[in-house]
Amino acid sequence: MPVLLIQDGCVHTADARERVVPRGCVLVVDDRIAAVGTAAEVGTAVAALPPDRAAELTVLDASRTAVLPGFVNAHWHETFALRLTGENGLRARSDRADTGGMLSHGGHPHDVSAAFDASADLAGLLTPGEAEAVARYSMWTQLRCGVTTLGDTGSVNRPEALAAAARALGTRCAVSLWTGDAVCEPGSPVPLRTRDTDAVLARTEEIVRMAAADTTGLVRARPSAVYVTNLTDELGAGLAALTERHDLPFVTHVAALRAEAEVMRHHFGRTGLRRLADLGLLTERLMAVHCGFLDDAERELLLASGASITVSPAKYGCTGETVLTETTAITDLRRAGVAVSVSTDGSPLPHPGMVEAMRAAWHGFAERTGDPAEVRPSDALAMATRIPAHGLRWHGIGSIEPGNLADLVLVRTDDWRYLLQPRPLESLLMLGGSPDVDTVLVGGKVVLRDGRATNVDEEAVRSDYLDALESFSSRCLAVDTGPLLRQARRRPAPRRDRRAG
């Protein structure tokens, strides 16, 4: 659809003015938004189209939908290769024996550091074919939930596979590595080096060059460190030089757990954020993940740096993390002007998406502060679109504005939840969820319509994933995949029609 008029939807632009147009229109020409506003405002732009472009015009009736910018999930880990483990797909049916994990009760940084270090080499065990099949399915689940841009923060997959999957699906992705070269063990006074730092930096540079050679506009690179506990000074300094040399953003988990500061002082002599500052990584390029456990001096450092923060509030309750509820760091910094976005984090199983993250931010910030207007639904939308786009340094996405890329999400708003509700976004966050996403455009191309992918065979994507999961799990994880995957390969029940008319 080279020229598309989206007509009569409730348009939430998520621009700096948080403009809402109740019966709005959006004109898309090729991959860009040409006009947005009332029918009269956009009608003027339509009338000004050259005759050859006007002849290409297609109209999409959006009168029963909310029109939102594509979601930007700037903190995401692709880990779907690990689905068949005792902590995921092979868990017992009953949850009565469940206990808190390594992130609960303030967190166990030594365990997290060890787990992250052990995960670093798993991506290399996937064959290229397995890696692409897993990436396509995992990234499709994000696209199905309205995410048009992903920020990889280290994955159990190959960056080349993530890039190939993004091109196949027609979605955007900033790729990275599961980057670290050390581990903090309880009995050691210093971090133990586990990898050759020069090799890690060389591999990172290779990924940067691979992304720079992309001609589709869908793939970029964003260097990362999986956790400040897994980063030697040499690696940190090398990553700082690399990101400056290539003018790239940087992302890492820091100040994520209550017990982290003590562990960092023991092994490195200073806290995580102070280390990032000393290494040259605490700049406006930094997106700090979680970042809830900062002392007063660290808050001042972060505020002065121009760095941004991303939090994953829909995931914290599931893991026992208390990033938003135990301290006032995030709310204080947001009030002071720090850009705070929401994201989903990662899991081998489908988990709360960006709609759920927005709802958790709306409610969670209100509970933290006692002020229901601390984060309004429109603020939560900006935290899932415009703000993370800026943190990714991916200009031209994240809001519905003329000149921006036409990344759009349409949500149906014509059932009982929206009756006599003048604010459909509020109803979506209160009573809706990721499955309500109906239509998704990336760069003006419709990649999801009526909840179904338009440019890939979903059944083939699913089947290829199960084949890859079976071969990887049996070969590398020593998992008996037979019974569970036989059940999973049964075709799902036919999808019910959404509604008549």
Protein backbone atom coordinates (compact mmCIF):
# COMPACT_ATOMS: atom_id res chain seq x y z
CA MET A 1 0.00 0.00 0.00
CA PRO A 2 2.29 2.83 -1.21
CA VAL A 3 -0.38 5.48 -0.38
CA LEU A 4 -2.65 4.62 2.53
CA LEU A 5 -5.27 6.72 4.32
CA ILE A 6 -6.14 5.46 7.80
CA GLN A 7 -9.45 7.09 8.44
CA ASP A 8 -11.62 7.97 11.46
CA GLY A 9 -9.62 6.24 14.20
CA CYS A 10 -8.90 7.58 17.68
CA VAL A 11 -5.32 8.62 16.98
CA HIS A 12 -2.88 8.84 19.91
CA THR A 13 0.17 10.51 18.40
CA ALA A 14 2.49 10.08 21.45
CA ASP A 15 4.29 13.19 20.23
CA ALA A 16 5.71 15.79 22.61
CA ARG A 17 2.24 17.35 22.98
CA GLU A 18 0.58 13.95 23.60
CA ARG A 19 -1.99 14.94 20.99
CA VAL A 20 -5.16 12.84 20.70
CA VAL A 21 -7.43 13.18 17.67
CA PRO A 22 -10.75 11.38 18.45
CA ARG A 23 -11.79 11.00 14.80
CA GLY A 24 -8.39 11.29 13.29
CA CYS A 25 -6.74 10.32 10.06
CA VAL A 26 -3.20 9.37 9.11
CA LEU A 27 -1.90 9.62 5.56
CA VAL A 28 0.98 7.29 4.75
CA VAL A 29 2.99 7.77 1.57
CA ASP A 30 5.46 4.98 0.89
CA ASP A 31 7.15 4.34 4.26
CA ARG A 32 6.49 7.72 5.88
CA ILE A 33 3.69 9.56 7.62
CA ALA A 34 2.69 12.41 5.32
CA ALA A 35 -0.04 13.94 7.48
CA VAL A 36 -1.92 13.33 10.71
CA GLY A 37 -4.86 15.16 12.21
CA THR A 38 -8.55 15.74 11.65
CA ALA A 39 -10.31 14.65 8.47
CA ALA A 40 -10.13 18.22 7.20
CA GLU A 41 -6.43 18.59 7.97
CA VAL A 42 -5.44 15.32 6.36
CA GLY A 43 -7.93 15.85 3.53
CA THR A 44 -5.89 18.88 2.47
CA ALA A 45 -2.79 16.68 2.22
CA VAL A 46 -4.71 14.05 0.24
CA ALA A 47 -5.97 16.69 -2.18
CA ALA A 48 -2.38 17.88 -2.70
CA LEU A 49 -1.15 14.45 -3.82
CA PRO A 50 0.08 14.31 -7.42
CA PRO A 51 -2.44 12.53 -9.67
CA ASP A 52 -0.27 9.44 -10.06
CA ARG A 53 0.05 9.06 -6.27
CA ALA A 54 -3.62 9.84 -5.67
CA ALA A 55 -4.48 6.97 -8.02
CA GLU A 56 -2.61 4.62 -5.65
CA LEU A 57 -4.63 5.66 -2.60
CA THR A 58 -6.12 2.91 -0.43
CA VAL A 59 -8.45 3.74 2.45
CA LEU A 60 -8.43 1.75 5.71
CA ASP A 61 -11.51 2.31 7.84
CA ALA A 62 -10.24 2.75 11.41
CA SER A 63 -13.52 3.99 12.90
CA ARG A 64 -13.61 1.08 15.37
CA THR A 65 -10.00 1.29 16.43
CA ALA A 66 -7.41 3.18 18.43
CA VAL A 67 -4.40 4.11 16.30
CA LEU A 68 -1.12 4.08 18.23
CA PRO A 69 2.56 4.34 17.31
CA GLY A 70 4.38 1.03 16.99
CA PHE A 71 5.71 -0.10 20.35
CA VAL A 72 9.46 0.15 20.94
CA ASN A 73 10.65 -2.61 23.27
CA ALA A 74 14.16 -1.39 24.03
CA HIS A 75 15.08 -4.03 26.63
CA TRP A 76 14.45 -7.54 25.34
CA HIS A 77 16.29 -10.85 25.41
CA GLU A 78 15.63 -13.58 22.85
CA THR A 79 15.84 -16.79 24.91
CA PHE A 80 13.27 -19.06 23.25
CA ALA A 81 15.90 -21.77 22.64
CA LEU A 82 15.75 -22.51 26.38
CA ARG A 83 12.06 -23.26 26.47
CA LEU A 84 12.47 -26.96 27.25
CA THR A 85 14.06 -26.86 30.68
CA GLY A 86 12.85 -27.65 34.17
CA GLU A 87 12.26 -23.95 34.82
CA ASN A 88 10.18 -23.44 31.71
CA GLY A 89 8.29 -25.86 29.47
CA LEU A 90 9.04 -28.93 31.59
CA ARG A 91 7.75 -27.53 34.87
CA ALA A 92 5.23 -29.44 36.92
CA ARG A 93 1.58 -28.66 36.24
CA SER A 94 1.04 -27.49 39.80
CA ASP A 95 2.65 -24.31 41.09
CA ARG A 96 2.46 -25.29 44.78
CA ALA A 97 6.16 -26.12 45.07
CA ASP A 98 7.34 -22.86 43.50
CA THR A 99 9.83 -20.72 45.43
CA GLY A 100 11.52 -17.41 44.77
CA GLY A 101 14.43 -17.45 42.35
CA MET A 102 17.74 -15.64 42.14
CA LEU A 103 16.09 -12.25 41.54
CA SER A 104 13.76 -12.38 44.54
CA HIS A 105 14.12 -11.05 48.09
CA GLY A 106 16.56 -8.34 47.07
CA GLY A 107 18.35 -10.59 44.63
CA HIS A 108 21.38 -12.84 44.70
CA PRO A 109 23.99 -11.09 42.53
CA HIS A 110 26.55 -13.90 42.71
CA ASP A 111 23.98 -16.35 41.35
CA VAL A 112 22.86 -13.91 38.67
CA SER A 113 26.45 -13.25 37.65
CA ALA A 114 27.15 -16.98 37.41
CA ALA A 115 23.95 -17.66 35.46
CA PHE A 116 24.67 -14.86 33.02
CA ASP A 117 28.22 -16.05 32.50
CA ALA A 118 27.06 -19.62 31.88
CA SER A 119 24.56 -18.40 29.28
CA ALA A 120 27.14 -16.51 27.23
CA ASP A 121 28.25 -19.49 25.16
CA LEU A 122 24.83 -21.06 24.52
CA ALA A 123 24.17 -19.05 21.36
CA GLY A 124 27.21 -20.61 19.74
CA LEU A 125 25.69 -24.09 20.19
CA LEU A 126 22.77 -23.27 17.89
CA THR A 127 23.31 -24.11 14.25
CA PRO A 128 22.63 -21.17 11.91
CA GLY A 129 19.39 -22.80 10.77
CA GLU A 130 18.22 -23.45 14.33
CA ALA A 131 19.13 -19.91 15.35
CA GLU A 132 17.08 -18.32 12.57
CA ALA A 133 14.06 -20.55 13.17
CA VAL A 134 14.07 -19.75 16.89
CA ALA A 135 14.58 -16.04 16.27
CA ARG A 136 11.73 -15.84 13.74
CA TYR A 137 9.25 -17.39 16.16
CA SER A 138 10.38 -15.37 19.17
CA MET A 139 10.37 -12.11 17.26
CA TRP A 140 7.01 -12.94 15.69
CA THR A 141 5.48 -13.17 19.17
CA GLN A 142 6.71 -9.61 19.78
CA LEU A 143 5.39 -8.36 16.44
CA ARG A 144 2.05 -10.04 17.15
CA CYS A 145 1.85 -7.93 20.33
CA GLY A 146 2.45 -4.66 18.49
CA VAL A 147 6.24 -4.29 18.87
CA THR A 148 7.65 -2.78 15.70
CA THR A 149 11.16 -2.11 17.08
CA LEU A 150 13.18 -4.37 19.37
CA GLY A 151 16.27 -3.47 21.35
CA ASP A 152 18.22 -6.68 21.90
CA THR A 153 20.02 -6.53 25.25
CA GLY A 154 21.89 -9.80 24.82
CA SER A 155 20.23 -13.01 23.67
CA VAL A 156 20.72 -16.75 23.65
CA ASN A 157 20.87 -16.50 19.89
CA ARG A 158 23.16 -15.27 17.17
CA PRO A 159 22.94 -11.57 16.25
CA GLU A 160 23.07 -12.59 12.58
CA ALA A 161 19.96 -14.74 13.14
CA LEU A 162 18.12 -11.86 14.82
CA ALA A 163 18.98 -9.63 11.88
CA ALA A 164 17.79 -12.24 9.37
CA ALA A 165 14.56 -12.74 11.31
CA ALA A 166 13.91 -8.99 11.40
CA ARG A 167 14.24 -8.82 7.63
CA ALA A 168 12.01 -11.86 7.12
CA LEU A 169 9.27 -10.50 9.39
CA GLY A 170 9.63 -6.88 8.31
CA THR A 171 10.29 -5.58 11.81
CA ARG A 172 13.10 -3.47 13.26
CA CYS A 173 15.80 -4.72 15.61
CA ALA A 174 18.89 -3.28 17.23
CA VAL A 175 21.08 -6.36 17.67
CA SER A 176 23.67 -7.06 20.30
CA LEU A 177 25.67 -9.83 21.99
CA TRP A 178 25.40 -11.55 25.36
CA THR A 179 28.50 -9.62 26.36
CA GLY A 180 30.70 -10.31 29.37
CA ASP A 181 34.17 -11.54 30.22
CA ALA A 182 34.08 -12.16 33.98
CA VAL A 183 32.07 -13.61 36.86
CA CYS A 184 31.76 -12.65 40.51
CA GLU A 185 32.08 -15.73 42.72
CA PRO A 186 31.37 -15.62 46.47
CA GLY A 187 34.78 -16.90 47.60
CA SER A 188 36.90 -14.66 45.41
CA PRO A 189 37.99 -11.12 46.36
CA VAL A 190 38.21 -10.12 42.70
CA PRO A 191 36.14 -10.96 39.60
CA LEU A 192 37.36 -14.03 37.72
CA ARG A 193 38.00 -13.55 34.03
CA THR A 194 36.16 -16.15 31.95
CA ARG A 195 36.74 -14.96 28.38
CA ASP A 196 39.35 -13.27 26.24
CA THR A 197 38.48 -9.58 26.29
CA ASP A 198 40.00 -8.82 22.90
CA ALA A 199 37.99 -11.62 21.33
CA VAL A 200 34.76 -10.28 22.85
CA LEU A 201 35.51 -6.79 21.55
CA ALA A 202 36.42 -8.11 18.11
CA ARG A 203 33.15 -10.04 17.92
CA THR A 204 31.24 -6.90 18.97
CA GLU A 205 32.97 -4.90 16.24
CA GLU A 206 32.02 -7.63 13.76
CA ILE A 207 28.35 -7.26 14.70
CA VAL A 208 28.58 -3.48 14.36
CA ARG A 209 29.97 -3.86 10.83
CA MET A 210 27.30 -6.43 9.95
CA ALA A 211 24.50 -4.09 11.02
CA ALA A 212 26.08 -1.11 9.25
CA ALA A 213 26.00 -3.08 5.99
CA ASP A 214 22.23 -3.65 6.24
CA THR A 215 20.38 -2.00 3.34
CA THR A 216 16.81 -2.58 4.52
CA GLY A 217 16.78 0.03 7.28
CA LEU A 218 15.49 -2.63 9.69
CA VAL A 219 18.71 -3.61 11.46
CA ARG A 220 21.09 -1.64 13.64
CA ALA A 221 23.65 -2.50 16.31
CA ARG A 222 23.65 -1.56 19.97
CA PRO A 223 26.61 -2.86 22.01
CA SER A 224 25.77 -4.11 25.50
CA ALA A 225 27.14 -5.65 28.66
CA VAL A 226 24.88 -8.26 30.16
CA TYR A 227 25.49 -7.08 33.74
CA VAL A 228 28.01 -4.83 35.49
CA THR A 229 29.13 -7.86 37.57
CA ASN A 230 30.31 -9.55 34.37
CA LEU A 231 32.35 -6.69 32.95
CA THR A 232 36.10 -6.23 33.47
CA ASP A 233 37.57 -2.74 33.34
CA GLU A 234 39.34 -3.66 30.09
CA LEU A 235 36.10 -4.72 28.43
CA GLY A 236 34.24 -1.67 29.73
CA ALA A 237 36.87 0.72 28.41
CA GLY A 238 36.90 -1.10 25.08
CA LEU A 239 33.12 -0.87 24.76
CA ALA A 240 33.21 2.83 25.64
CA ALA A 241 35.75 3.47 22.87
CA LEU A 242 33.80 1.35 20.39
CA THR A 243 30.46 3.07 21.00
CA GLU A 244 32.06 6.50 20.72
CA ARG A 245 33.95 5.55 17.57
CA HIS A 246 30.81 4.29 15.83
CA ASP A 247 28.39 6.77 17.48
CA LEU A 248 26.24 4.00 18.95
CA PRO A 249 24.03 3.65 22.02
CA PHE A 250 24.98 1.30 24.85
CA VAL A 251 22.89 -0.75 27.29
CA THR A 252 23.55 -2.70 30.47
CA HIS A 253 21.84 -3.93 33.64
CA VAL A 254 22.96 -1.84 36.60
CA ALA A 255 21.65 -1.11 40.11
CA ALA A 256 19.16 -3.87 39.45
CA LEU A 257 19.20 -5.67 42.82
CA ARG A 258 19.27 -4.55 46.44
CA ALA A 259 22.36 -6.65 47.19
CA GLU A 260 24.24 -5.57 44.06
CA ALA A 261 26.07 -2.58 45.57
CA GLU A 262 27.69 -4.68 48.30
CA VAL A 263 28.87 -7.31 45.82
CA MET A 264 30.23 -4.65 43.46
CA ARG A 265 32.17 -2.94 46.25
CA HIS A 266 33.62 -6.27 47.35
CA HIS A 267 34.77 -7.34 43.88
CA PHE A 268 35.45 -4.01 42.16
CA GLY A 269 35.83 -1.49 44.96
CA ARG A 270 32.91 0.67 43.80
CA THR A 271 29.27 0.40 42.80
CA GLY A 272 28.09 -0.38 39.30
CA LEU A 273 27.07 3.10 38.22
CA ARG A 274 30.30 4.60 39.53
CA ARG A 275 32.22 1.99 37.54
CA LEU A 276 30.32 2.92 34.39
CA ALA A 277 31.21 6.56 35.00
CA ASP A 278 34.89 5.74 35.52
CA LEU A 279 34.94 3.61 32.37
CA GLY A 280 33.41 6.33 30.17
CA LEU A 281 30.10 4.48 29.73
CA LEU A 282 27.90 6.81 31.78
CA THR A 283 26.95 9.20 28.97
CA GLU A 284 23.85 10.15 27.01
CA ARG A 285 24.42 6.95 25.00
CA LEU A 286 23.61 4.76 28.01
CA MET A 287 20.30 3.03 28.59
CA ALA A 288 20.45 1.73 32.16
CA VAL A 289 18.23 -1.32 32.70
CA HIS A 290 16.26 -1.50 35.98
CA CYS A 291 18.56 0.93 37.85
CA GLY A 292 16.37 1.18 40.93
CA PHE A 293 18.99 0.79 43.68
CA LEU A 294 21.06 3.96 43.49
CA ASP A 295 22.39 6.08 46.33
CA ASP A 296 21.94 9.86 46.29
CA ALA A 297 25.32 10.56 44.69
CA GLU A 298 24.66 8.02 41.95
CA ARG A 299 21.30 9.62 41.21
CA GLU A 300 23.07 12.94 40.69
CA LEU A 301 25.63 11.27 38.43
CA LEU A 302 22.95 9.67 36.30
CA LEU A 303 20.89 12.84 36.09
CA ALA A 304 23.91 14.87 34.96
CA SER A 305 24.93 12.29 32.34
CA GLY A 306 21.81 12.52 30.17
CA ALA A 307 21.45 8.72 30.25
CA SER A 308 18.04 7.07 30.11
CA ILE A 309 16.47 4.27 32.16
CA THR A 310 14.19 1.42 31.15
CA VAL A 311 12.11 -0.62 33.59
CA SER A 312 10.02 -3.77 33.09
CA PRO A 313 7.19 -3.39 35.62
CA ALA A 314 4.94 -6.15 34.27
CA LYS A 315 7.74 -8.67 34.86
CA TYR A 316 8.87 -7.66 38.35
CA GLY A 317 6.01 -9.21 40.26
CA CYS A 318 6.62 -12.57 38.57
CA THR A 319 10.25 -12.65 39.68
CA GLY A 320 10.16 -10.90 43.04
CA GLU A 321 12.12 -7.86 41.87
CA THR A 322 11.32 -4.61 43.69
CA VAL A 323 12.85 -2.02 41.37
CA LEU A 324 9.83 0.29 41.49
CA THR A 325 8.42 -0.46 44.91
CA GLU A 326 11.37 -0.67 47.30
CA THR A 327 13.04 2.65 46.55
CA THR A 328 12.04 6.02 45.15
CA ALA A 329 14.96 6.15 42.68
CA ILE A 330 12.96 5.72 39.47
CA THR A 331 10.13 8.07 40.43
CA ASP A 332 12.57 10.69 41.73
CA LEU A 333 14.71 10.56 38.61
CA ARG A 334 11.69 10.68 36.32
CA ARG A 335 10.37 13.73 38.15
CA ALA A 336 13.83 15.31 37.78
CA GLY A 337 13.71 14.86 34.01
CA VAL A 338 15.41 11.54 33.34
CA ALA A 339 13.85 9.71 30.40
CA VAL A 340 12.23 6.52 31.75
CA SER A 341 10.78 3.95 29.38
CA VAL A 342 9.06 0.59 29.82
CA SER A 343 10.09 -2.72 28.30
CA THR A 344 9.38 -6.42 28.67
CA ASP A 345 12.73 -8.02 29.55
CA GLY A 346 12.94 -11.63 28.31
CA SER A 347 11.78 -15.16 29.02
CA PRO A 348 11.81 -18.49 27.20
CA LEU A 349 8.00 -18.47 27.52
CA PRO A 350 5.65 -15.78 26.20
CA HIS A 351 5.36 -13.18 28.93
CA PRO A 352 3.70 -9.80 29.47
CA GLY A 353 4.00 -7.55 26.45
CA MET A 354 4.14 -3.79 26.05
CA VAL A 355 0.44 -3.22 26.73
CA GLU A 356 0.87 -5.03 30.04
CA ALA A 357 4.05 -3.04 30.75
CA MET A 358 2.16 0.20 30.18
CA ARG A 359 -0.62 -0.88 32.53
CA ALA A 360 1.90 -1.90 35.20
CA ALA A 361 3.66 1.46 34.90
CA TRP A 362 0.39 3.39 35.14
CA HIS A 363 -0.69 1.48 38.24
CA GLY A 364 2.75 0.87 39.75
CA PHE A 365 3.91 4.48 39.70
CA ALA A 366 0.57 5.53 41.22
CA GLU A 367 0.98 3.00 44.01
CA ARG A 368 4.58 4.07 44.65
CA THR A 369 3.69 7.77 44.90
CA GLY A 370 0.04 7.75 45.93
CA ASP A 371 -0.70 9.93 42.90
CA PRO A 372 -2.83 8.39 40.10
CA ALA A 373 -1.65 11.16 37.77
CA GLU A 374 2.04 10.37 38.32
CA VAL A 375 1.95 8.28 35.13
CA ARG A 376 -1.20 8.75 33.07
CA PRO A 377 -2.16 6.31 30.31
CA SER A 378 -0.82 8.79 27.75
CA ASP A 379 2.46 8.96 29.70
CA ALA A 380 2.62 5.17 29.72
CA LEU A 381 2.14 5.16 25.93
CA ALA A 382 5.04 7.59 25.51
CA MET A 383 7.12 5.35 27.77
CA ALA A 384 6.47 2.50 25.33
CA THR A 385 7.03 4.45 22.11
CA ARG A 386 8.65 7.87 21.83
CA ILE A 387 10.89 7.69 24.92
CA PRO A 388 12.51 4.28 24.23
CA ALA A 389 12.97 5.27 20.57
CA HIS A 390 15.04 8.22 21.77
CA GLY A 391 16.98 5.96 24.14
CA LEU A 392 17.77 3.62 21.26
CA ARG A 393 18.85 6.67 19.24
CA TRP A 394 16.56 5.41 16.48
CA HIS A 395 15.22 8.64 15.08
CA GLY A 396 12.02 8.84 13.05
CA ILE A 397 10.03 6.26 15.03
CA GLY A 398 8.01 6.21 18.24
CA SER A 399 5.36 8.83 17.46
CA ILE A 400 2.79 9.58 14.79
CA GLU A 401 4.18 12.74 13.24
CA PRO A 402 4.70 13.92 9.64
CA GLY A 403 8.07 12.76 8.39
CA ASN A 404 8.35 9.82 10.78
CA LEU A 405 8.37 6.24 9.58
CA ALA A 406 4.86 4.79 9.43
CA ASP A 407 5.09 2.29 12.29
CA LEU A 408 1.52 1.98 13.55
CA VAL A 409 -0.59 -0.29 15.75
CA LEU A 410 -4.39 -0.52 15.47
CA VAL A 411 -6.45 -1.95 18.33
CA ARG A 412 -10.14 -2.77 18.00
CA THR A 413 -12.27 -0.70 20.39
CA ASP A 414 -15.83 -1.74 19.52
CA ASP A 415 -16.73 -4.30 22.17
CA TRP A 416 -18.28 -4.01 25.64
CA ARG A 417 -15.09 -2.71 27.24
CA TYR A 418 -15.26 0.53 25.30
CA LEU A 419 -18.98 1.34 25.58
CA LEU A 420 -19.44 5.02 26.54
CA GLN A 421 -15.69 5.26 27.16
CA PRO A 422 -14.25 8.46 25.64
CA ARG A 423 -10.69 7.29 26.37
CA PRO A 424 -10.04 4.02 24.55
CA LEU A 425 -6.39 3.93 25.59
CA GLU A 426 -7.47 3.88 29.22
CA SER A 427 -9.82 0.95 28.58
CA LEU A 428 -7.11 -0.91 26.67
CA LEU A 429 -4.72 -0.59 29.61
CA MET A 430 -7.38 -1.35 32.20
CA LEU A 431 -9.17 -4.27 30.55
CA GLY A 432 -7.16 -5.20 27.48
CA GLY A 433 -3.86 -6.76 26.61
CA SER A 434 -1.40 -7.70 23.90
CA PRO A 435 -3.81 -10.11 22.13
CA ASP A 436 -6.06 -7.12 21.34
CA VAL A 437 -3.56 -5.84 18.77
CA ASP A 438 -5.34 -6.18 15.42
CA THR A 439 -3.21 -4.48 12.76
CA VAL A 440 0.48 -3.55 12.64
CA LEU A 441 2.32 -1.48 10.05
CA VAL A 442 6.09 -1.19 9.84
CA GLY A 443 7.33 1.48 7.48
CA GLY A 444 3.91 1.68 5.84
CA LYS A 445 3.73 -2.06 5.20
CA VAL A 446 0.91 -4.02 6.79
CA VAL A 447 2.66 -6.92 8.50
CA LEU A 448 -0.27 -7.97 10.74
CA ARG A 449 -3.95 -7.70 9.89
CA ASP A 450 -6.92 -9.07 11.82
CA GLY A 451 -4.39 -10.55 14.23
CA ARG A 452 -2.62 -12.59 11.54
CA ALA A 453 0.72 -12.10 9.85
CA THR A 454 0.47 -10.98 6.24
CA ASN A 455 3.98 -11.64 4.95
CA VAL A 456 4.94 -14.94 6.59
CA ASP A 457 3.23 -18.31 7.04
CA GLU A 458 2.60 -18.44 10.78
CA GLU A 459 2.18 -22.22 10.80
CA ALA A 460 5.53 -22.63 9.04
CA VAL A 461 7.20 -20.26 11.51
CA ARG A 462 5.76 -22.28 14.38
CA SER A 463 6.68 -25.65 12.85
CA ASP A 464 10.23 -24.55 12.05
CA TYR A 465 10.62 -23.34 15.63
CA LEU A 466 9.50 -26.64 17.10
CA ASP A 467 11.90 -28.53 14.82
CA ALA A 468 14.79 -26.27 15.86
CA LEU A 469 13.84 -26.52 19.52
CA GLU A 470 13.77 -30.31 19.33
CA SER A 471 17.18 -30.63 17.67
CA PHE A 472 18.88 -28.06 19.91
CA SER A 473 17.35 -29.34 23.15
CA SER A 474 18.17 -32.98 22.52
CA ARG A 475 21.68 -32.29 21.20
CA CYS A 476 22.81 -29.56 23.62
CA LEU A 477 20.57 -29.74 26.69
CA ALA A 478 20.08 -33.52 26.87
CA VAL A 479 16.30 -33.05 27.07
CA ASP A 480 13.85 -35.76 26.02
CA THR A 481 11.65 -33.62 23.78
CA GLY A 482 9.32 -36.32 22.46
CA PRO A 483 6.08 -36.21 24.47
CA LEU A 484 5.88 -32.46 24.93
CA LEU A 485 6.69 -31.58 21.34
CA ARG A 486 4.33 -34.20 19.95
CA GLN A 487 1.56 -32.47 21.85
CA ALA A 488 2.75 -29.04 20.73
CA ARG A 489 2.77 -30.07 17.08
CA ARG A 490 -0.93 -30.79 17.10
CA ARG A 491 -2.63 -28.07 15.16
CA PRO A 492 -4.28 -25.49 17.41
CA ALA A 493 -8.05 -25.15 17.47
CA PRO A 494 -9.43 -22.97 14.65
CA ARG A 495 -9.33 -19.30 15.51
CA ARG A 496 -12.76 -17.91 16.30
CA ASP A 497 -14.03 -14.98 14.28
CA ARG A 498 -13.59 -11.85 16.32
CA ARG A 499 -17.01 -10.41 15.68
CA ALA A 500 -19.50 -9.92 12.89
CA GLY A 501 -19.35 -6.86 10.68
